Amino acid sequence: MHPDLLASIDRFKQEMESVDEVAHVLLKGHLLVEEALSAVIDQYVFHREALEEARLTFVQKVHVARALCLRKQTLGEWELILAINALRNDMAHRLNSPLRHKKLARVKELYVREAANFAGLEEIKSGPESVLVLYACGHVAGFLATFLADSKIFRSLVHAMDRTMNPGEIPFEL
């Protein structure tokens, strides 16, 4: 067998022998955060298929969702979401990235700032990195869940206005 092929097989085996808990939690958490961002944005559009064709990136979804905020646009959770994304991008494109620890430290810094009043914060700060990432992703997912609840109320108000202004038209779905 060719030496390059053997080296590739050895590296593959080495990387696949263990599970990177931070990467595992981060990838799943990032997906859940992206789903939440999409759900928020969906509350403000009436023809979702047109938006799907736009193929928005994660960062674009963050900025669109933030622009839709009435009063939450200055909260630090937005910065935390972007830091989580930066860490995910780094880890998704480079195994053993030299920037991993710096980006992870940024997520930790922002999460600690935003969750300052959380009772179990000291334990999370001193625990495994995967647990910190789990809580950081959970924190922003919870933040987006409250934003989604507000957005659903907004959408129902728009539907009520539409029913009043256009009583003879077929109503849009809620």
C-alpha atoms as a PDB file:
ATOM      1  CA  MET A   1       0.000   0.000   0.000  1.00  0.00           C
ATOM      2  CA  HIS A   2       1.134   3.509  -0.745  1.00  0.00           C
ATOM      3  CA  PRO A   3       2.681   5.329   2.276  1.00  0.00           C
ATOM      4  CA  ASP A   4       0.299   8.291   1.923  1.00  0.00           C
ATOM      5  CA  LEU A   5      -2.689   5.965   1.995  1.00  0.00           C
ATOM      6  CA  LEU A   6      -1.318   4.204   5.072  1.00  0.00           C
ATOM      7  CA  ALA A   7      -0.771   7.561   6.792  1.00  0.00           C
ATOM      8  CA  SER A   8      -4.310   8.608   5.915  1.00  0.00           C
ATOM      9  CA  ILE A   9      -5.759   5.371   7.288  1.00  0.00           C
ATOM     10  CA  ASP A  10      -3.722   5.729  10.496  1.00  0.00           C
ATOM     11  CA  ARG A  11      -4.891   9.315  10.995  1.00  0.00           C
ATOM     12  CA  PHE A  12      -8.490   8.356  10.313  1.00  0.00           C
ATOM     13  CA  LYS A  13      -8.325   5.562  12.882  1.00  0.00           C
ATOM     14  CA  GLN A  14      -6.670   7.840  15.423  1.00  0.00           C
ATOM     15  CA  GLU A  15      -9.297  10.563  15.027  1.00  0.00           C
ATOM     16  CA  MET A  16     -12.220   8.132  15.069  1.00  0.00           C
ATOM     17  CA  GLU A  17     -11.094   6.147  18.127  1.00  0.00           C
ATOM     18  CA  SER A  18     -12.371   8.744  20.531  1.00  0.00           C
ATOM     19  CA  VAL A  19     -15.366  11.022  20.704  1.00  0.00           C
ATOM     20  CA  ASP A  20     -14.710  14.718  21.143  1.00  0.00           C
ATOM     21  CA  GLU A  21     -17.443  15.602  23.652  1.00  0.00           C
ATOM     22  CA  VAL A  22     -17.100  19.334  23.038  1.00  0.00           C
ATOM     23  CA  ALA A  23     -17.533  18.861  19.291  1.00  0.00           C
ATOM     24  CA  HIS A  24     -20.477  16.516  19.813  1.00  0.00           C
ATOM     25  CA  VAL A  25     -22.318  18.890  22.148  1.00  0.00           C
ATOM     26  CA  LEU A  26     -21.404  21.942  20.087  1.00  0.00           C
ATOM     27  CA  LEU A  27     -22.630  20.524  16.791  1.00  0.00           C
ATOM     28  CA  LYS A  28     -25.966  19.426  18.246  1.00  0.00           C
ATOM     29  CA  GLY A  29     -26.382  22.630  20.239  1.00  0.00           C
ATOM     30  CA  HIS A  30     -25.596  24.733  17.170  1.00  0.00           C
ATOM     31  CA  LEU A  31     -28.231  22.853  15.159  1.00  0.00           C
ATOM     32  CA  LEU A  32     -30.834  23.464  17.862  1.00  0.00           C
ATOM     33  CA  VAL A  33     -29.953  27.161  18.000  1.00  0.00           C
ATOM     34  CA  GLU A  34     -30.238  27.404  14.216  1.00  0.00           C
ATOM     35  CA  GLU A  35     -33.654  25.703  14.335  1.00  0.00           C
ATOM     36  CA  ALA A  36     -34.757  28.254  16.940  1.00  0.00           C
ATOM     37  CA  LEU A  37     -33.513  31.162  14.820  1.00  0.00           C
ATOM     38  CA  SER A  38     -35.419  29.813  11.823  1.00  0.00           C
ATOM     39  CA  ALA A  39     -38.573  29.371  13.905  1.00  0.00           C
ATOM     40  CA  VAL A  40     -38.393  33.007  15.057  1.00  0.00           C
ATOM     41  CA  ILE A  41     -37.866  34.320  11.543  1.00  0.00           C
ATOM     42  CA  ASP A  42     -40.723  32.148  10.258  1.00  0.00           C
ATOM     43  CA  GLN A  43     -43.141  34.032  12.514  1.00  0.00           C
ATOM     44  CA  TYR A  44     -42.486  37.238  10.579  1.00  0.00           C
ATOM     45  CA  VAL A  45     -42.873  35.906   7.048  1.00  0.00           C
ATOM     46  CA  PHE A  46     -46.005  34.767   5.300  1.00  0.00           C
ATOM     47  CA  HIS A  47     -44.455  32.918   2.374  1.00  0.00           C
ATOM     48  CA  ARG A  48     -41.750  30.766   3.935  1.00  0.00           C
ATOM     49  CA  GLU A  49     -40.931  29.072   0.652  1.00  0.00           C
ATOM     50  CA  ALA A  50     -39.509  32.336  -0.685  1.00  0.00           C
ATOM     51  CA  LEU A  51     -37.257  32.637   2.341  1.00  0.00           C
ATOM     52  CA  GLU A  52     -36.111  29.026   2.037  1.00  0.00           C
ATOM     53  CA  GLU A  53     -34.833  29.793  -1.451  1.00  0.00           C
ATOM     54  CA  ALA A  54     -32.673  32.569   0.018  1.00  0.00           C
ATOM     55  CA  ARG A  55     -30.597  29.849   1.754  1.00  0.00           C
ATOM     56  CA  LEU A  56     -29.616  32.107   4.630  1.00  0.00           C
ATOM     57  CA  THR A  57     -26.443  31.237   6.498  1.00  0.00           C
ATOM     58  CA  PHE A  58     -26.420  30.882  10.260  1.00  0.00           C
ATOM     59  CA  VAL A  59     -24.903  34.348  10.715  1.00  0.00           C
ATOM     60  CA  GLN A  60     -27.443  35.891   8.354  1.00  0.00           C
ATOM     61  CA  LYS A  61     -30.240  34.274  10.379  1.00  0.00           C
ATOM     62  CA  VAL A  62     -28.753  35.721  13.564  1.00  0.00           C
ATOM     63  CA  HIS A  63     -28.711  39.226  12.121  1.00  0.00           C
ATOM     64  CA  VAL A  64     -32.200  38.959  10.618  1.00  0.00           C
ATOM     65  CA  ALA A  65     -33.633  37.642  13.907  1.00  0.00           C
ATOM     66  CA  ARG A  66     -31.838  40.366  15.861  1.00  0.00           C
ATOM     67  CA  ALA A  67     -33.230  42.998  13.496  1.00  0.00           C
ATOM     68  CA  LEU A  68     -36.739  41.707  14.244  1.00  0.00           C
ATOM     69  CA  CYS A  69     -36.367  42.284  17.993  1.00  0.00           C
ATOM     70  CA  LEU A  70     -38.388  45.037  19.536  1.00  0.00           C
ATOM     71  CA  ARG A  71     -36.458  45.269  22.817  1.00  0.00           C
ATOM     72  CA  LYS A  72     -33.982  42.359  22.934  1.00  0.00           C
ATOM     73  CA  GLN A  73     -31.584  43.470  20.197  1.00  0.00           C
ATOM     74  CA  THR A  74     -28.926  44.759  22.638  1.00  0.00           C
ATOM     75  CA  LEU A  75     -28.823  41.712  24.917  1.00  0.00           C
ATOM     76  CA  GLY A  76     -25.542  39.848  25.222  1.00  0.00           C
ATOM     77  CA  GLU A  77     -27.066  36.569  24.097  1.00  0.00           C
ATOM     78  CA  TRP A  78     -26.608  37.704  20.494  1.00  0.00           C
ATOM     79  CA  GLU A  79     -22.878  37.980  21.063  1.00  0.00           C
ATOM     80  CA  LEU A  80     -22.884  34.540  22.698  1.00  0.00           C
ATOM     81  CA  ILE A  81     -24.734  33.044  19.723  1.00  0.00           C
ATOM     82  CA  LEU A  82     -22.104  34.450  17.366  1.00  0.00           C
ATOM     83  CA  ALA A  83     -19.279  33.148  19.586  1.00  0.00           C
ATOM     84  CA  ILE A  84     -20.841  29.677  19.592  1.00  0.00           C
ATOM     85  CA  ASN A  85     -21.023  29.855  15.814  1.00  0.00           C
ATOM     86  CA  ALA A  86     -17.389  30.963  15.540  1.00  0.00           C
ATOM     87  CA  LEU A  87     -16.312  28.011  17.680  1.00  0.00           C
ATOM     88  CA  ARG A  88     -18.464  25.619  15.653  1.00  0.00           C
ATOM     89  CA  ASN A  89     -17.051  26.927  12.370  1.00  0.00           C
ATOM     90  CA  ASP A  90     -13.508  26.561  13.613  1.00  0.00           C
ATOM     91  CA  MET A  91     -14.082  23.017  14.851  1.00  0.00           C
ATOM     92  CA  ALA A  92     -16.087  21.986  11.792  1.00  0.00           C
ATOM     93  CA  HIS A  93     -13.351  22.989   9.385  1.00  0.00           C
ATOM     94  CA  ARG A  94     -10.199  22.045  11.305  1.00  0.00           C
ATOM     95  CA  LEU A  95      -9.544  19.157  13.647  1.00  0.00           C
ATOM     96  CA  ASN A  96      -7.242  20.238  16.468  1.00  0.00           C
ATOM     97  CA  SER A  97      -7.457  23.904  15.495  1.00  0.00           C
ATOM     98  CA  PRO A  98      -4.987  26.206  17.214  1.00  0.00           C
ATOM     99  CA  LEU A  99      -7.847  28.689  17.707  1.00  0.00           C
ATOM    100  CA  ARG A 100     -10.131  26.219  19.496  1.00  0.00           C
ATOM    101  CA  HIS A 101      -9.070  27.200  23.026  1.00  0.00           C
ATOM    102  CA  LYS A 102      -9.307  30.923  22.273  1.00  0.00           C
ATOM    103  CA  LYS A 103     -12.791  30.583  20.795  1.00  0.00           C
ATOM    104  CA  LEU A 104     -13.893  28.282  23.612  1.00  0.00           C
ATOM    105  CA  ALA A 105     -12.600  30.821  26.137  1.00  0.00           C
ATOM    106  CA  ARG A 106     -14.701  33.490  24.413  1.00  0.00           C
ATOM    107  CA  VAL A 107     -17.838  31.321  24.666  1.00  0.00           C
ATOM    108  CA  LYS A 108     -17.057  30.734  28.344  1.00  0.00           C
ATOM    109  CA  GLU A 109     -16.492  34.456  29.001  1.00  0.00           C
ATOM    110  CA  LEU A 110     -19.767  35.445  27.364  1.00  0.00           C
ATOM    111  CA  TYR A 111     -21.775  32.645  28.938  1.00  0.00           C
ATOM    112  CA  VAL A 112     -20.442  33.486  32.413  1.00  0.00           C
ATOM    113  CA  ARG A 113     -21.365  37.122  31.838  1.00  0.00           C
ATOM    114  CA  GLU A 114     -24.893  36.326  30.641  1.00  0.00           C
ATOM    115  CA  ALA A 115     -25.591  33.627  33.249  1.00  0.00           C
ATOM    116  CA  ALA A 116     -24.042  35.562  36.143  1.00  0.00           C
ATOM    117  CA  ASN A 117     -27.015  34.942  38.454  1.00  0.00           C
ATOM    118  CA  PHE A 118     -27.333  31.215  37.733  1.00  0.00           C
ATOM    119  CA  ALA A 119     -26.958  29.229  40.968  1.00  0.00           C
ATOM    120  CA  GLY A 120     -24.800  26.448  39.514  1.00  0.00           C
ATOM    121  CA  LEU A 121     -22.463  28.713  37.550  1.00  0.00           C
ATOM    122  CA  GLU A 122     -19.341  28.074  39.635  1.00  0.00           C
ATOM    123  CA  GLU A 123     -19.658  24.335  39.130  1.00  0.00           C
ATOM    124  CA  ILE A 124     -20.139  24.798  35.381  1.00  0.00           C
ATOM    125  CA  LYS A 125     -17.113  27.112  35.137  1.00  0.00           C
ATOM    126  CA  SER A 126     -14.852  24.555  36.815  1.00  0.00           C
ATOM    127  CA  GLY A 127     -16.305  21.512  35.076  1.00  0.00           C
ATOM    128  CA  PRO A 128     -15.639  19.901  31.719  1.00  0.00           C
ATOM    129  CA  GLU A 129     -15.630  22.114  28.623  1.00  0.00           C
ATOM    130  CA  SER A 130     -18.397  20.014  27.088  1.00  0.00           C
ATOM    131  CA  VAL A 131     -20.697  20.874  30.004  1.00  0.00           C
ATOM    132  CA  LEU A 132     -19.947  24.573  29.610  1.00  0.00           C
ATOM    133  CA  VAL A 133     -20.769  24.384  25.893  1.00  0.00           C
ATOM    134  CA  LEU A 134     -23.951  22.488  26.719  1.00  0.00           C
ATOM    135  CA  TYR A 135     -25.081  25.205  29.119  1.00  0.00           C
ATOM    136  CA  ALA A 136     -24.070  28.019  26.762  1.00  0.00           C
ATOM    137  CA  CYS A 137     -26.086  26.479  23.922  1.00  0.00           C
ATOM    138  CA  GLY A 138     -28.973  25.791  26.291  1.00  0.00           C
ATOM    139  CA  HIS A 139     -28.875  29.373  27.536  1.00  0.00           C
ATOM    140  CA  VAL A 140     -29.206  30.869  24.062  1.00  0.00           C
ATOM    141  CA  ALA A 141     -31.805  28.266  23.084  1.00  0.00           C
ATOM    142  CA  GLY A 142     -33.865  29.395  26.088  1.00  0.00           C
ATOM    143  CA  PHE A 143     -33.365  33.032  25.122  1.00  0.00           C
ATOM    144  CA  LEU A 144     -34.579  32.265  21.597  1.00  0.00           C
ATOM    145  CA  ALA A 145     -37.555  30.323  22.991  1.00  0.00           C
ATOM    146  CA  THR A 146     -38.741  33.466  24.797  1.00  0.00           C
ATOM    147  CA  PHE A 147     -38.203  35.466  21.615  1.00  0.00           C
ATOM    148  CA  LEU A 148     -40.226  32.860  19.702  1.00  0.00           C
ATOM    149  CA  ALA A 149     -43.083  33.176  22.198  1.00  0.00           C
ATOM    150  CA  ASP A 150     -43.101  36.957  21.691  1.00  0.00           C
ATOM    151  CA  SER A 151     -42.976  36.442  17.923  1.00  0.00           C
ATOM    152  CA  LYS A 152     -45.965  34.114  17.979  1.00  0.00           C
ATOM    153  CA  ILE A 153     -47.979  36.763  19.794  1.00  0.00           C
ATOM    154  CA  PHE A 154     -46.929  39.327  17.182  1.00  0.00           C
ATOM    155  CA  ARG A 155     -47.978  36.958  14.395  1.00  0.00           C
ATOM    156  CA  SER A 156     -51.381  36.359  15.997  1.00  0.00           C
ATOM    157  CA  LEU A 157     -51.908  40.131  16.202  1.00  0.00           C
ATOM    158  CA  VAL A 158     -51.090  40.483  12.510  1.00  0.00           C
ATOM    159  CA  HIS A 159     -53.558  37.697  11.736  1.00  0.00           C
ATOM    160  CA  ALA A 160     -56.239  39.427  13.822  1.00  0.00           C
ATOM    161  CA  MET A 161     -55.606  42.680  11.936  1.00  0.00           C
ATOM    162  CA  ASP A 162     -55.815  40.824   8.623  1.00  0.00           C
ATOM    163  CA  ARG A 163     -59.131  39.239   9.633  1.00  0.00           C
ATOM    164  CA  THR A 164     -60.511  42.667  10.525  1.00  0.00           C
ATOM    165  CA  MET A 165     -59.203  44.401   7.419  1.00  0.00           C
ATOM    166  CA  ASN A 166     -59.952  41.545   4.995  1.00  0.00           C
ATOM    167  CA  PRO A 167     -62.976  39.686   6.377  1.00  0.00           C
ATOM    168  CA  GLY A 168     -63.868  38.122   3.003  1.00  0.00           C
ATOM    169  CA  GLU A 169     -60.397  36.758   2.268  1.00  0.00           C
ATOM    170  CA  ILE A 170     -59.153  33.270   3.068  1.00  0.00           C
ATOM    171  CA  PRO A 171     -57.160  33.577   6.309  1.00  0.00           C
ATOM    172  CA  PHE A 172     -53.464  32.774   6.446  1.00  0.00           C
ATOM    173  CA  GLU A 173     -52.451  29.918   8.711  1.00  0.00           C
ATOM    174  CA  LEU A 174     -51.125  30.797  12.139  1.00  0.00           C
END
